[in-house]
Every structure is written in C-alpha cells, then in structure tokens.
Amino acid sequence: MQHMLTTGLALVTVLGVAKVVRDWLILRQVRAAMDAGSAEDRVRIGMRLAEALGGGPAAEAAGQVPEQPGGEVVRPRP
C-alpha cells in the first residue's frame, strides 16, 4: 500500500514540475513576441493571453466571428 502511495506522489510531483516548466516556456515565448512586436501586436497578444487565461473571448461577446489563431503575424519593431 505504501509503495502505491509513494508512486502516486512521485507521479503527481513529476506532472506538477512538467506543468511549471511548460508554463515558463510559454511565458518566455509570449515575452519575446511582446518585445519584438509593435504596439498593435502587444495589444493583440495581451487579448489572446487574457482569453487563454479565462478572460472570455471579447469578439464572441461583441457578436463578431473570432479571428483564427494561425492568422496573426507579429511584426518586429523598426
């Protein structure tokens, strides 16, 4: 019984660490995109991030068709 408990705790720990690492990598990519983008790009990225974190899709609330995620282009600042 104790072996199963130890195995379960180890699994939960590994999954927790994996989630933290994944989130850190995602935030690193978001920061790089924000730093490289124009003011419009930063607003668009911020809105997408808010939606992903549970802020709700603003476009659907306004009755508009949401933009497809693959259609965005981040332009570097001049």
PDB file of N, CA and C in Angstrom:
ATOM      1  N   MET A   1       0.825  -1.192   0.000  1.00  0.00           N
ATOM      2  CA  MET A   1       0.000   0.000   0.000  1.00  0.00           C
ATOM      3  C   MET A   1       0.872   1.259   0.000  1.00  0.00           C
ATOM      4  N   GLN A   2       1.926   1.251   0.810  1.00  0.00           N
ATOM      5  CA  GLN A   2       2.794   2.423   0.895  1.00  0.00           C
ATOM      6  C   GLN A   2       3.532   2.642  -0.434  1.00  0.00           C
ATOM      7  N   HIS A   3       3.849   1.542  -1.117  1.00  0.00           N
ATOM      8  CA  HIS A   3       4.515   1.645  -2.415  1.00  0.00           C
ATOM      9  C   HIS A   3       3.617   2.380  -3.419  1.00  0.00           C
ATOM     10  N   MET A   4       2.328   2.081  -3.409  1.00  0.00           N
ATOM     11  CA  MET A   4       1.394   2.744  -4.325  1.00  0.00           C
ATOM     12  C   MET A   4       1.278   4.228  -3.990  1.00  0.00           C
ATOM     13  N   LEU A   5       1.265   4.565  -2.704  1.00  0.00           N
ATOM     14  CA  LEU A   5       1.179   5.958  -2.287  1.00  0.00           C
ATOM     15  C   LEU A   5       2.423   6.724  -2.726  1.00  0.00           C
ATOM     16  N   THR A   6       3.586   6.121  -2.538  1.00  0.00           N
ATOM     17  CA  THR A   6       4.843   6.751  -2.953  1.00  0.00           C
ATOM     18  C   THR A   6       4.875   6.948  -4.466  1.00  0.00           C
ATOM     19  N   THR A   7       4.437   5.954  -5.185  1.00  0.00           N
ATOM     20  CA  THR A   7       4.394   6.052  -6.650  1.00  0.00           C
ATOM     21  C   THR A   7       3.433   7.156  -7.086  1.00  0.00           C
ATOM     22  N   GLY A   8       2.285   7.233  -6.450  1.00  0.00           N
ATOM     23  CA  GLY A   8       1.306   8.277  -6.774  1.00  0.00           C
ATOM     24  C   GLY A   8       1.843   9.670  -6.493  1.00  0.00           C
ATOM     25  N   LEU A   9       2.502   9.834  -5.348  1.00  0.00           N
ATOM     26  CA  LEU A   9       3.080  11.140  -5.023  1.00  0.00           C
ATOM     27  C   LEU A   9       4.191  11.518  -5.997  1.00  0.00           C
ATOM     28  N   ALA A  10       5.005  10.552  -6.386  1.00  0.00           N
ATOM     29  CA  ALA A  10       6.064  10.815  -7.359  1.00  0.00           C
ATOM     30  C   ALA A  10       5.472  11.237  -8.700  1.00  0.00           C
ATOM     31  N   LEU A  11       4.406  10.578  -9.114  1.00  0.00           N
ATOM     32  CA  LEU A  11       3.754  10.922 -10.382  1.00  0.00           C
ATOM     33  C   LEU A  11       3.178  12.330 -10.330  1.00  0.00           C
ATOM     34  N   VAL A  12       2.511  12.661  -9.251  1.00  0.00           N
ATOM     35  CA  VAL A  12       1.935  13.999  -9.104  1.00  0.00           C
ATOM     36  C   VAL A  12       3.037  15.058  -9.111  1.00  0.00           C
ATOM     37  N   THR A  13       4.145  14.777  -8.464  1.00  0.00           N
ATOM     38  CA  THR A  13       5.272  15.714  -8.429  1.00  0.00           C
ATOM     39  C   THR A  13       5.843  15.933  -9.825  1.00  0.00           C
ATOM     40  N   VAL A  14       6.053  14.847 -10.551  1.00  0.00           N
ATOM     41  CA  VAL A  14       6.601  14.956 -11.907  1.00  0.00           C
ATOM     42  C   VAL A  14       5.654  15.746 -12.803  1.00  0.00           C
ATOM     43  N   LEU A  15       4.358  15.473 -12.719  1.00  0.00           N
ATOM     44  CA  LEU A  15       3.394  16.201 -13.540  1.00  0.00           C
ATOM     45  C   LEU A  15       3.353  17.679 -13.161  1.00  0.00           C
ATOM     46  N   GLY A  16       3.453  17.983 -11.882  1.00  0.00           N
ATOM     47  CA  GLY A  16       3.462  19.377 -11.435  1.00  0.00           C
ATOM     48  C   GLY A  16       4.672  20.125 -11.952  1.00  0.00           C
ATOM     49  N   VAL A  17       5.839  19.496 -11.874  1.00  0.00           N
ATOM     50  CA  VAL A  17       7.061  20.123 -12.374  1.00  0.00           C
ATOM     51  C   VAL A  17       6.974  20.315 -13.885  1.00  0.00           C
ATOM     52  N   ALA A  18       6.437  19.335 -14.590  1.00  0.00           N
ATOM     53  CA  ALA A  18       6.297  19.447 -16.046  1.00  0.00           C
ATOM     54  C   ALA A  18       5.387  20.615 -16.410  1.00  0.00           C
ATOM     55  N   LYS A  19       4.307  20.825 -15.652  1.00  0.00           N
ATOM     56  CA  LYS A  19       3.394  21.934 -15.926  1.00  0.00           C
ATOM     57  C   LYS A  19       4.078  23.275 -15.683  1.00  0.00           C
ATOM     58  N   VAL A  20       4.851  23.377 -14.613  1.00  0.00           N
ATOM     59  CA  VAL A  20       5.568  24.619 -14.320  1.00  0.00           C
ATOM     60  C   VAL A  20       6.566  24.925 -15.427  1.00  0.00           C
ATOM     61  N   VAL A  21       7.294  23.921 -15.887  1.00  0.00           N
ATOM     62  CA  VAL A  21       8.273  24.118 -16.960  1.00  0.00           C
ATOM     63  C   VAL A  21       7.564  24.532 -18.246  1.00  0.00           C
ATOM     64  N   ARG A  22       6.458  23.866 -18.565  1.00  0.00           N
ATOM     65  CA  ARG A  22       5.698  24.212 -19.778  1.00  0.00           C
ATOM     66  C   ARG A  22       5.194  25.651 -19.709  1.00  0.00           C
ATOM     67  N   ASP A  23       4.626  26.048 -18.571  1.00  0.00           N
ATOM     68  CA  ASP A  23       4.126  27.413 -18.415  1.00  0.00           C
ATOM     69  C   ASP A  23       5.254  28.433 -18.530  1.00  0.00           C
ATOM     70  N   TRP A  24       6.416  28.110 -17.956  1.00  0.00           N
ATOM     71  CA  TRP A  24       7.561  29.019 -18.035  1.00  0.00           C
ATOM     72  C   TRP A  24       8.003  29.208 -19.484  1.00  0.00           C
ATOM     73  N   LEU A  25       8.036  28.106 -20.253  1.00  0.00           N
ATOM     74  CA  LEU A  25       8.427  28.202 -21.662  1.00  0.00           C
ATOM     75  C   LEU A  25       7.419  29.022 -22.465  1.00  0.00           C
ATOM     76  N   ILE A  26       6.136  28.838 -22.187  1.00  0.00           N
ATOM     77  CA  ILE A  26       5.104  29.604 -22.882  1.00  0.00           C
ATOM     78  C   ILE A  26       5.253  31.090 -22.573  1.00  0.00           C
ATOM     79  N   LEU A  27       5.429  31.423 -21.299  1.00  0.00           N
ATOM     80  CA  LEU A  27       5.576  32.831 -20.923  1.00  0.00           C
ATOM     81  C   LEU A  27       6.836  33.445 -21.521  1.00  0.00           C
ATOM     82  N   ARG A  28       7.885  32.653 -21.655  1.00  0.00           N
ATOM     83  CA  ARG A  28       9.104  33.142 -22.294  1.00  0.00           C
ATOM     84  C   ARG A  28       8.848  33.503 -23.760  1.00  0.00           C
ATOM     85  N   GLN A  29       8.076  32.652 -24.449  1.00  0.00           N
ATOM     86  CA  GLN A  29       7.748  32.925 -25.850  1.00  0.00           C
ATOM     87  C   GLN A  29       6.838  34.148 -25.974  1.00  0.00           C
ATOM     88  N   VAL A  30       5.894  34.286 -25.046  1.00  0.00           N
ATOM     89  CA  VAL A  30       4.993  35.446 -25.062  1.00  0.00           C
ATOM     90  C   VAL A  30       5.798  36.722 -24.855  1.00  0.00           C
ATOM     91  N   ARG A  31       6.715  36.699 -23.892  1.00  0.00           N
ATOM     92  CA  ARG A  31       7.534  37.893 -23.634  1.00  0.00           C
ATOM     93  C   ARG A  31       8.375  38.244 -24.867  1.00  0.00           C
ATOM     94  N   ALA A  32       8.956  37.262 -25.534  1.00  0.00           N
ATOM     95  CA  ALA A  32       9.754  37.524 -26.726  1.00  0.00           C
ATOM     96  C   ALA A  32       8.889  38.128 -27.833  1.00  0.00           C
ATOM     97  N   ALA A  33       7.675  37.610 -27.990  1.00  0.00           N
ATOM     98  CA  ALA A  33       6.770  38.155 -29.010  1.00  0.00           C
ATOM     99  C   ALA A  33       6.353  39.577 -28.657  1.00  0.00           C
ATOM    100  N   MET A  34       6.118  39.839 -27.372  1.00  0.00           N
ATOM    101  CA  MET A  34       5.729  41.190 -26.946  1.00  0.00           C
ATOM    102  C   MET A  34       6.877  42.176 -27.182  1.00  0.00           C
ATOM    103  N   ASP A  35       8.097  41.758 -26.885  1.00  0.00           N
ATOM    104  CA  ASP A  35       9.258  42.629 -27.063  1.00  0.00           C
ATOM    105  C   ASP A  35       9.523  42.916 -28.540  1.00  0.00           C
ATOM    106  N   ALA A  36       9.252  41.952 -29.405  1.00  0.00           N
ATOM    107  CA  ALA A  36       9.556  42.103 -30.824  1.00  0.00           C
ATOM    108  C   ALA A  36       8.426  42.773 -31.596  1.00  0.00           C
ATOM    109  N   GLY A  37       7.226  42.823 -31.041  1.00  0.00           N
ATOM    110  CA  GLY A  37       6.072  43.309 -31.788  1.00  0.00           C
ATOM    111  C   GLY A  37       5.826  44.795 -31.654  1.00  0.00           C
ATOM    112  N   SER A  38       4.939  45.286 -32.501  1.00  0.00           N
ATOM    113  CA  SER A  38       4.508  46.681 -32.449  1.00  0.00           C
ATOM    114  C   SER A  38       3.488  46.842 -31.323  1.00  0.00           C
ATOM    115  N   ALA A  39       3.034  48.067 -31.120  1.00  0.00           N
ATOM    116  CA  ALA A  39       2.030  48.325 -30.076  1.00  0.00           C
ATOM    117  C   ALA A  39       0.745  47.541 -30.363  1.00  0.00           C
ATOM    118  N   GLU A  40       0.346  47.482 -31.630  1.00  0.00           N
ATOM    119  CA  GLU A  40      -0.856  46.732 -32.013  1.00  0.00           C
ATOM    120  C   GLU A  40      -0.677  45.246 -31.718  1.00  0.00           C
ATOM    121  N   ASP A  41       0.514  44.734 -32.020  1.00  0.00           N
ATOM    122  CA  ASP A  41       0.795  43.316 -31.755  1.00  0.00           C
ATOM    123  C   ASP A  41       0.730  43.028 -30.263  1.00  0.00           C
ATOM    124  N   ARG A  42       1.270  43.928 -29.436  1.00  0.00           N
ATOM    125  CA  ARG A  42       1.253  43.721 -27.988  1.00  0.00           C
ATOM    126  C   ARG A  42      -0.170  43.692 -27.460  1.00  0.00           C
ATOM    127  N   VAL A  43      -1.033  44.565 -27.991  1.00  0.00           N
ATOM    128  CA  VAL A  43      -2.443  44.555 -27.572  1.00  0.00           C
ATOM    129  C   VAL A  43      -3.102  43.252 -27.977  1.00  0.00           C
ATOM    130  N   ARG A  44      -2.870  42.813 -29.199  1.00  0.00           N
ATOM    131  CA  ARG A  44      -3.470  41.576 -29.702  1.00  0.00           C
ATOM    132  C   ARG A  44      -2.976  40.365 -28.890  1.00  0.00           C
ATOM    133  N   ILE A  45      -1.680  40.335 -28.601  1.00  0.00           N
ATOM    134  CA  ILE A  45      -1.127  39.236 -27.807  1.00  0.00           C
ATOM    135  C   ILE A  45      -1.717  39.260 -26.404  1.00  0.00           C
ATOM    136  N   GLY A  46      -1.825  40.452 -25.823  1.00  0.00           N
ATOM    137  CA  GLY A  46      -2.413  40.573 -24.488  1.00  0.00           C
ATOM    138  C   GLY A  46      -3.847  40.098 -24.440  1.00  0.00           C
ATOM    139  N   MET A  47      -4.619  40.424 -25.476  1.00  0.00           N
ATOM    140  CA  MET A  47      -6.018  39.989 -25.530  1.00  0.00           C
ATOM    141  C   MET A  47      -6.096  38.468 -25.662  1.00  0.00           C
ATOM    142  N   ARG A  48      -5.246  37.888 -26.493  1.00  0.00           N
ATOM    143  CA  ARG A  48      -5.217  36.422 -26.649  1.00  0.00           C
ATOM    144  C   ARG A  48      -4.825  35.749 -25.335  1.00  0.00           C
ATOM    145  N   LEU A  49      -3.856  36.347 -24.640  1.00  0.00           N
ATOM    146  CA  LEU A  49      -3.415  35.783 -23.370  1.00  0.00           C
ATOM    147  C   LEU A  49      -4.537  35.857 -22.337  1.00  0.00           C
ATOM    148  N   ALA A  50      -5.253  36.974 -22.309  1.00  0.00           N
ATOM    149  CA  ALA A  50      -6.379  37.113 -21.378  1.00  0.00           C
ATOM    150  C   ALA A  50      -7.463  36.076 -21.678  1.00  0.00           C
ATOM    151  N   GLU A  51      -7.744  35.852 -22.953  1.00  0.00           N
ATOM    152  CA  GLU A  51      -8.732  34.837 -23.328  1.00  0.00           C
ATOM    153  C   GLU A  51      -8.277  33.452 -22.880  1.00  0.00           C
ATOM    154  N   ALA A  52      -6.987  33.163 -23.090  1.00  0.00           N
ATOM    155  CA  ALA A  52      -6.460  31.846 -22.730  1.00  0.00           C
ATOM    156  C   ALA A  52      -6.488  31.623 -21.222  1.00  0.00           C
ATOM    157  N   LEU A  53      -6.359  32.697 -20.462  1.00  0.00           N
ATOM    158  CA  LEU A  53      -6.365  32.591 -19.004  1.00  0.00           C
ATOM    159  C   LEU A  53      -7.762  32.662 -18.409  1.00  0.00           C
ATOM    160  N   GLY A  54      -8.784  32.691 -19.260  1.00  0.00           N
ATOM    161  CA  GLY A  54     -10.156  32.634 -18.769  1.00  0.00           C
ATOM    162  C   GLY A  54     -10.881  33.958 -18.789  1.00  0.00           C
ATOM    163  N   GLY A  55     -10.344  34.932 -19.502  1.00  0.00           N
ATOM    164  CA  GLY A  55     -10.992  36.231 -19.579  1.00  0.00           C
ATOM    165  C   GLY A  55     -12.196  36.237 -20.497  1.00  0.00           C
ATOM    166  N   GLY A  56     -12.375  35.199 -21.271  1.00  0.00           N
ATOM    167  CA  GLY A  56     -13.511  35.107 -22.193  1.00  0.00           C
ATOM    168  C   GLY A  56     -13.217  35.807 -23.492  1.00  0.00           C
ATOM    169  N   PRO A  57     -13.661  35.240 -24.585  1.00  0.00           N
ATOM    170  CA  PRO A  57     -13.401  35.838 -25.898  1.00  0.00           C
ATOM    171  C   PRO A  57     -14.196  37.121 -26.099  1.00  0.00           C
ATOM    172  N   ALA A  58     -13.498  38.221 -26.274  1.00  0.00           N
ATOM    173  CA  ALA A  58     -14.135  39.521 -26.447  1.00  0.00           C
ATOM    174  C   ALA A  58     -14.896  39.592 -27.774  1.00  0.00           C
ATOM    175  N   ALA A  59     -14.359  38.961 -28.818  1.00  0.00           N
ATOM    176  CA  ALA A  59     -15.007  39.025 -30.130  1.00  0.00           C
ATOM    177  C   ALA A  59     -16.355  38.324 -30.119  1.00  0.00           C
ATOM    178  N   GLU A  60     -16.458  37.194 -29.449  1.00  0.00           N
ATOM    179  CA  GLU A  60     -17.732  36.481 -29.391  1.00  0.00           C
ATOM    180  C   GLU A  60     -18.752  37.258 -28.579  1.00  0.00           C
ATOM    181  N   ALA A  61     -18.302  37.951 -27.525  1.00  0.00           N
ATOM    182  CA  ALA A  61     -19.219  38.738 -26.705  1.00  0.00           C
ATOM    183  C   ALA A  61     -19.800  39.894 -27.516  1.00  0.00           C
ATOM    184  N   ALA A  62     -19.020  40.418 -28.445  1.00  0.00           N
ATOM    185  CA  ALA A  62     -19.487  41.532 -29.270  1.00  0.00           C
ATOM    186  C   ALA A  62     -20.293  41.041 -30.476  1.00  0.00           C
ATOM    187  N   GLY A  63     -20.443  39.735 -30.642  1.00  0.00           N
ATOM    188  CA  GLY A  63     -21.213  39.188 -31.749  1.00  0.00           C
ATOM    189  C   GLY A  63     -20.417  39.037 -33.026  1.00  0.00           C
ATOM    190  N   GLN A  64     -19.099  39.175 -32.953  1.00  0.00           N
ATOM    191  CA  GLN A  64     -18.250  39.042 -34.130  1.00  0.00           C
ATOM    192  C   GLN A  64     -17.695  37.633 -34.203  1.00  0.00           C
ATOM    193  N   VAL A  65     -17.249  37.268 -35.373  1.00  0.00           N
ATOM    194  CA  VAL A  65     -16.607  35.963 -35.556  1.00  0.00           C
ATOM    195  C   VAL A  65     -15.164  36.102 -35.091  1.00  0.00           C
ATOM    196  N   PRO A  66     -14.701  35.229 -34.175  1.00  0.00           N
ATOM    197  CA  PRO A  66     -13.320  35.353 -33.692  1.00  0.00           C
ATOM    198  C   PRO A  66     -12.307  35.047 -34.783  1.00  0.00           C
ATOM    199  N   GLU A  67     -11.176  35.728 -34.702  1.00  0.00           N
ATOM    200  CA  GLU A  67     -10.090  35.533 -35.651  1.00  0.00           C
ATOM    201  C   GLU A  67      -9.404  34.194 -35.386  1.00  0.00           C
ATOM    202  N   GLN A  68      -8.984  33.519 -36.437  1.00  0.00           N
ATOM    203  CA  GLN A  68      -8.300  32.242 -36.284  1.00  0.00           C
ATOM    204  C   GLN A  68      -6.904  32.471 -35.714  1.00  0.00           C
ATOM    205  N   PRO A  69      -6.451  31.629 -34.777  1.00  0.00           N
ATOM    206  CA  PRO A  69      -5.149  31.835 -34.145  1.00  0.00           C
ATOM    207  C   PRO A  69      -3.975  31.845 -35.116  1.00  0.00           C
ATOM    208  N   GLY A  70      -4.033  31.068 -36.188  1.00  0.00           N
ATOM    209  CA  GLY A  70      -2.910  30.996 -37.117  1.00  0.00           C
ATOM    210  C   GLY A  70      -2.802  32.191 -38.037  1.00  0.00           C
ATOM    211  N   GLY A  71      -3.781  33.081 -38.042  1.00  0.00           N
ATOM    212  CA  GLY A  71      -3.790  34.193 -38.979  1.00  0.00           C
ATOM    213  C   GLY A  71      -3.031  35.419 -38.526  1.00  0.00           C
ATOM    214  N   GLU A  72      -2.489  35.412 -37.325  1.00  0.00           N
ATOM    215  CA  GLU A  72      -1.819  36.597 -36.803  1.00  0.00           C
ATOM    216  C   GLU A  72      -0.350  36.603 -37.217  1.00  0.00           C
ATOM    217  N   VAL A  73       0.145  37.793 -37.468  1.00  0.00           N
ATOM    218  CA  VAL A  73       1.546  37.975 -37.825  1.00  0.00           C
ATOM    219  C   VAL A  73       2.133  38.974 -36.848  1.00  0.00           C
ATOM    220  N   VAL A  74       3.229  38.616 -36.208  1.00  0.00           N
ATOM    221  CA  VAL A  74       3.911  39.533 -35.311  1.00  0.00           C
ATOM    222  C   VAL A  74       5.006  40.208 -36.107  1.00  0.00           C
ATOM    223  N   ARG A  75       4.906  41.530 -36.180  1.00  0.00           N
ATOM    224  CA  ARG A  75       5.893  42.296 -36.942  1.00  0.00           C
ATOM    225  C   ARG A  75       6.938  42.875 -35.988  1.00  0.00           C
ATOM    226  N   PRO A  76       8.226  42.739 -36.314  1.00  0.00           N
ATOM    227  CA  PRO A  76       9.263  43.339 -35.464  1.00  0.00           C
ATOM    228  C   PRO A  76       9.197  44.860 -35.508  1.00  0.00           C
ATOM    229  N   ARG A  77       9.580  45.469 -34.412  1.00  0.00           N
ATOM    230  CA  ARG A  77       9.623  46.939 -34.376  1.00  0.00           C
ATOM    231  C   ARG A  77      10.745  47.427 -35.267  1.00  0.00           C
ATOM    232  N   PRO A  78      10.549  48.598 -35.900  1.00  0.00           N
ATOM    233  CA  PRO A  78      11.624  49.156 -36.758  1.00  0.00           C
ATOM    234  C   PRO A  78      12.804  49.631 -35.939  1.00  0.00           C
TER     235      PRO A  78
END
